[in-house]
Amino acid sequence: MFTHVMVGTNDAAKARAFYDAAFGALGIAGMQTPNGALWYGDPESREGMFGVVTPRNDEPATFANGGTIGFPAKDRSTVDAWYAAGMANGGSDEGPPGERPWGDPPMYGAYMRDPDGNKLCAFCEPGR
């Protein structure tokens, strides 16, 4: 559906620690490009990539008010691991792991913000 989603950061080292840990829990590897951007996903597919970069216009990075970026997790323990890894690496809570009242059976997911304030979530299919 999309080629990539990119968020800004004001501290590339903090962002890398956070995203390497959080995406590592989801089994997603990262890479850094020569211009300093961090990318997560499958570079061969050129689809569904997630990037983190310091703004090229030299203005401070800010987060989108009302924006949330969601990631799939294979099961509840993976959601839990994603949340724990992110929180241990500078994330802030926006909704701890648990059932959400969507679907029957309910969805299981968690929300947090990265060190720059970008809102993220991870969910698994009901019953997993």
C-alpha atoms as a PDB file:
ATOM      1  CA  MET A   1       0.000   0.000   0.000  1.00  0.00           C
ATOM      2  CA  PHE A   2       2.891   2.393   0.623  1.00  0.00           C
ATOM      3  CA  THR A   3       6.567   2.552  -0.282  1.00  0.00           C
ATOM      4  CA  HIS A   4       7.679   3.988   3.043  1.00  0.00           C
ATOM      5  CA  VAL A   5       6.807   5.965   6.133  1.00  0.00           C
ATOM      6  CA  MET A   6       9.405   8.323   7.549  1.00  0.00           C
ATOM      7  CA  VAL A   7       9.565  10.088  10.897  1.00  0.00           C
ATOM      8  CA  GLY A   8      12.017  12.713  12.044  1.00  0.00           C
ATOM      9  CA  THR A   9      14.368  12.608  14.991  1.00  0.00           C
ATOM     10  CA  ASN A  10      16.388  15.167  16.881  1.00  0.00           C
ATOM     11  CA  ASP A  11      18.803  12.548  18.246  1.00  0.00           C
ATOM     12  CA  ALA A  12      19.797   9.845  15.759  1.00  0.00           C
ATOM     13  CA  ALA A  13      21.652   7.748  18.357  1.00  0.00           C
ATOM     14  CA  LYS A  14      18.631   7.659  20.710  1.00  0.00           C
ATOM     15  CA  ALA A  15      16.324   6.881  17.806  1.00  0.00           C
ATOM     16  CA  ARG A  16      18.549   4.044  16.624  1.00  0.00           C
ATOM     17  CA  ALA A  17      18.693   2.467  20.102  1.00  0.00           C
ATOM     18  CA  PHE A  18      14.894   2.703  20.391  1.00  0.00           C
ATOM     19  CA  TYR A  19      14.036   1.406  16.912  1.00  0.00           C
ATOM     20  CA  ASP A  20      16.726  -1.308  16.816  1.00  0.00           C
ATOM     21  CA  ALA A  21      15.287  -2.675  20.082  1.00  0.00           C
ATOM     22  CA  ALA A  22      11.593  -2.276  19.223  1.00  0.00           C
ATOM     23  CA  PHE A  23      11.879  -3.587  15.655  1.00  0.00           C
ATOM     24  CA  GLY A  24      14.288  -6.311  16.794  1.00  0.00           C
ATOM     25  CA  ALA A  25      11.472  -7.622  19.009  1.00  0.00           C
ATOM     26  CA  LEU A  26       9.294  -7.837  15.870  1.00  0.00           C
ATOM     27  CA  GLY A  27      12.060  -9.589  13.914  1.00  0.00           C
ATOM     28  CA  ILE A  28      12.698  -6.587  11.648  1.00  0.00           C
ATOM     29  CA  ALA A  29      16.320  -5.704  10.912  1.00  0.00           C
ATOM     30  CA  GLY A  30      17.572  -2.177  10.377  1.00  0.00           C
ATOM     31  CA  MET A  31      20.251  -0.554   8.297  1.00  0.00           C
ATOM     32  CA  GLN A  32      21.833   2.878   8.106  1.00  0.00           C
ATOM     33  CA  THR A  33      22.441   4.669   4.812  1.00  0.00           C
ATOM     34  CA  PRO A  34      25.473   6.849   4.048  1.00  0.00           C
ATOM     35  CA  ASN A  35      23.386  10.014   4.598  1.00  0.00           C
ATOM     36  CA  GLY A  36      22.540   8.904   8.150  1.00  0.00           C
ATOM     37  CA  ALA A  37      18.965   7.723   7.596  1.00  0.00           C
ATOM     38  CA  LEU A  38      17.841   4.594   9.431  1.00  0.00           C
ATOM     39  CA  TRP A  39      15.689   2.155   7.474  1.00  0.00           C
ATOM     40  CA  TYR A  40      13.736  -0.881   8.682  1.00  0.00           C
ATOM     41  CA  GLY A  41      12.078  -3.508   6.516  1.00  0.00           C
ATOM     42  CA  ASP A  42      13.021  -5.411   3.377  1.00  0.00           C
ATOM     43  CA  PRO A  43      15.059  -3.132   1.068  1.00  0.00           C
ATOM     44  CA  GLU A  44      14.674  -5.587  -1.817  1.00  0.00           C
ATOM     45  CA  SER A  45      10.897  -5.183  -1.909  1.00  0.00           C
ATOM     46  CA  ARG A  46      11.013  -1.362  -1.918  1.00  0.00           C
ATOM     47  CA  GLU A  47       7.647  -1.459  -0.152  1.00  0.00           C
ATOM     48  CA  GLY A  48       6.583  -0.972   3.418  1.00  0.00           C
ATOM     49  CA  MET A  49       9.872   0.525   4.586  1.00  0.00           C
ATOM     50  CA  PHE A  50      10.059   2.603   7.779  1.00  0.00           C
ATOM     51  CA  GLY A  51      12.636   5.380   7.944  1.00  0.00           C
ATOM     52  CA  VAL A  52      14.016   7.666  10.651  1.00  0.00           C
ATOM     53  CA  VAL A  53      15.999  10.751   9.709  1.00  0.00           C
ATOM     54  CA  THR A  54      17.074  14.114  11.015  1.00  0.00           C
ATOM     55  CA  PRO A  55      15.145  16.752   9.016  1.00  0.00           C
ATOM     56  CA  ARG A  56      17.026  17.846   5.916  1.00  0.00           C
ATOM     57  CA  ASN A  57      15.831  21.448   6.342  1.00  0.00           C
ATOM     58  CA  ASP A  58      17.743  21.714   9.662  1.00  0.00           C
ATOM     59  CA  GLU A  59      14.512  22.524  11.553  1.00  0.00           C
ATOM     60  CA  PRO A  60      13.629  20.496  14.683  1.00  0.00           C
ATOM     61  CA  ALA A  61      11.784  17.215  14.141  1.00  0.00           C
ATOM     62  CA  THR A  62       8.215  17.194  15.452  1.00  0.00           C
ATOM     63  CA  PHE A  63       5.587  14.478  15.656  1.00  0.00           C
ATOM     64  CA  ALA A  64       2.201  14.393  13.935  1.00  0.00           C
ATOM     65  CA  ASN A  65      -0.650  15.264  16.285  1.00  0.00           C
ATOM     66  CA  GLY A  66      -3.254  12.547  15.755  1.00  0.00           C
ATOM     67  CA  GLY A  67      -0.914  10.366  13.734  1.00  0.00           C
ATOM     68  CA  THR A  68      -0.216   6.740  14.660  1.00  0.00           C
ATOM     69  CA  ILE A  69       1.942   4.217  12.820  1.00  0.00           C
ATOM     70  CA  GLY A  70       1.002   0.561  13.350  1.00  0.00           C
ATOM     71  CA  PHE A  71       3.080  -2.577  13.000  1.00  0.00           C
ATOM     72  CA  PRO A  72       2.004  -6.229  12.893  1.00  0.00           C
ATOM     73  CA  ALA A  73       3.147  -8.683  15.549  1.00  0.00           C
ATOM     74  CA  LYS A  74       2.849 -12.470  15.274  1.00  0.00           C
ATOM     75  CA  ASP A  75       1.344 -12.986  18.740  1.00  0.00           C
ATOM     76  CA  ARG A  76       0.736 -11.476  22.175  1.00  0.00           C
ATOM     77  CA  SER A  77       4.206 -12.259  23.482  1.00  0.00           C
ATOM     78  CA  THR A  78       5.696 -10.402  20.510  1.00  0.00           C
ATOM     79  CA  VAL A  79       3.519  -7.351  21.264  1.00  0.00           C
ATOM     80  CA  ASP A  80       4.717  -7.542  24.872  1.00  0.00           C
ATOM     81  CA  ALA A  81       8.374  -7.822  23.791  1.00  0.00           C
ATOM     82  CA  TRP A  82       8.013  -4.888  21.354  1.00  0.00           C
ATOM     83  CA  TYR A  83       6.537  -2.679  24.061  1.00  0.00           C
ATOM     84  CA  ALA A  84       9.131  -3.699  26.671  1.00  0.00           C
ATOM     85  CA  ALA A  85      12.033  -3.153  24.268  1.00  0.00           C
ATOM     86  CA  GLY A  86      10.790   0.272  23.255  1.00  0.00           C
ATOM     87  CA  MET A  87      10.059   1.370  26.813  1.00  0.00           C
ATOM     88  CA  ALA A  88      13.529   0.228  27.936  1.00  0.00           C
ATOM     89  CA  ASN A  89      15.085   2.340  25.171  1.00  0.00           C
ATOM     90  CA  GLY A  90      13.500   5.746  25.669  1.00  0.00           C
ATOM     91  CA  GLY A  91       9.863   5.117  24.720  1.00  0.00           C
ATOM     92  CA  SER A  92       6.914   6.530  26.655  1.00  0.00           C
ATOM     93  CA  ASP A  93       3.624   4.801  27.392  1.00  0.00           C
ATOM     94  CA  GLU A  94       0.503   5.515  25.340  1.00  0.00           C
ATOM     95  CA  GLY A  95      -1.328   2.315  26.261  1.00  0.00           C
ATOM     96  CA  PRO A  96       0.335  -0.822  27.665  1.00  0.00           C
ATOM     97  CA  PRO A  97      -0.149  -4.256  26.128  1.00  0.00           C
ATOM     98  CA  GLY A  98      -3.659  -5.589  26.484  1.00  0.00           C
ATOM     99  CA  GLU A  99      -6.918  -6.412  24.775  1.00  0.00           C
ATOM    100  CA  ARG A 100      -8.664  -3.623  22.917  1.00  0.00           C
ATOM    101  CA  PRO A 101     -12.436  -3.655  22.370  1.00  0.00           C
ATOM    102  CA  TRP A 102     -12.159  -4.154  18.603  1.00  0.00           C
ATOM    103  CA  GLY A 103     -13.327  -7.402  17.108  1.00  0.00           C
ATOM    104  CA  ASP A 104     -14.582 -10.658  18.501  1.00  0.00           C
ATOM    105  CA  PRO A 105     -12.330 -11.943  19.952  1.00  0.00           C
ATOM    106  CA  PRO A 106     -10.774  -8.606  20.906  1.00  0.00           C
ATOM    107  CA  MET A 107      -7.557  -7.325  19.334  1.00  0.00           C
ATOM    108  CA  TYR A 108      -4.377  -7.362  21.433  1.00  0.00           C
ATOM    109  CA  GLY A 109      -1.933  -4.501  21.129  1.00  0.00           C
ATOM    110  CA  ALA A 110       0.154  -1.774  22.728  1.00  0.00           C
ATOM    111  CA  TYR A 111       0.887   1.894  22.096  1.00  0.00           C
ATOM    112  CA  MET A 112       3.972   3.960  22.861  1.00  0.00           C
ATOM    113  CA  ARG A 113       5.804   7.032  21.663  1.00  0.00           C
ATOM    114  CA  ASP A 114       9.374   7.010  20.430  1.00  0.00           C
ATOM    115  CA  PRO A 115      11.936   9.377  22.019  1.00  0.00           C
ATOM    116  CA  ASP A 116      10.829  12.141  19.612  1.00  0.00           C
ATOM    117  CA  GLY A 117       7.111  11.759  20.366  1.00  0.00           C
ATOM    118  CA  ASN A 118       5.974   9.759  17.308  1.00  0.00           C
ATOM    119  CA  LYS A 119       3.040   7.513  18.270  1.00  0.00           C
ATOM    120  CA  LEU A 120       3.446   3.820  17.405  1.00  0.00           C
ATOM    121  CA  CYS A 121       1.420   0.688  17.992  1.00  0.00           C
ATOM    122  CA  ALA A 122       1.843  -3.045  17.487  1.00  0.00           C
ATOM    123  CA  PHE A 123      -1.087  -5.485  17.216  1.00  0.00           C
ATOM    124  CA  CYS A 124      -1.529  -9.187  16.621  1.00  0.00           C
ATOM    125  CA  GLU A 125      -4.469 -11.001  15.113  1.00  0.00           C
ATOM    126  CA  PRO A 126      -7.240 -11.916  17.583  1.00  0.00           C
ATOM    127  CA  GLY A 127      -6.656 -15.216  19.346  1.00  0.00           C
ATOM    128  CA  ARG A 128      -2.888 -15.281  18.802  1.00  0.00           C
END
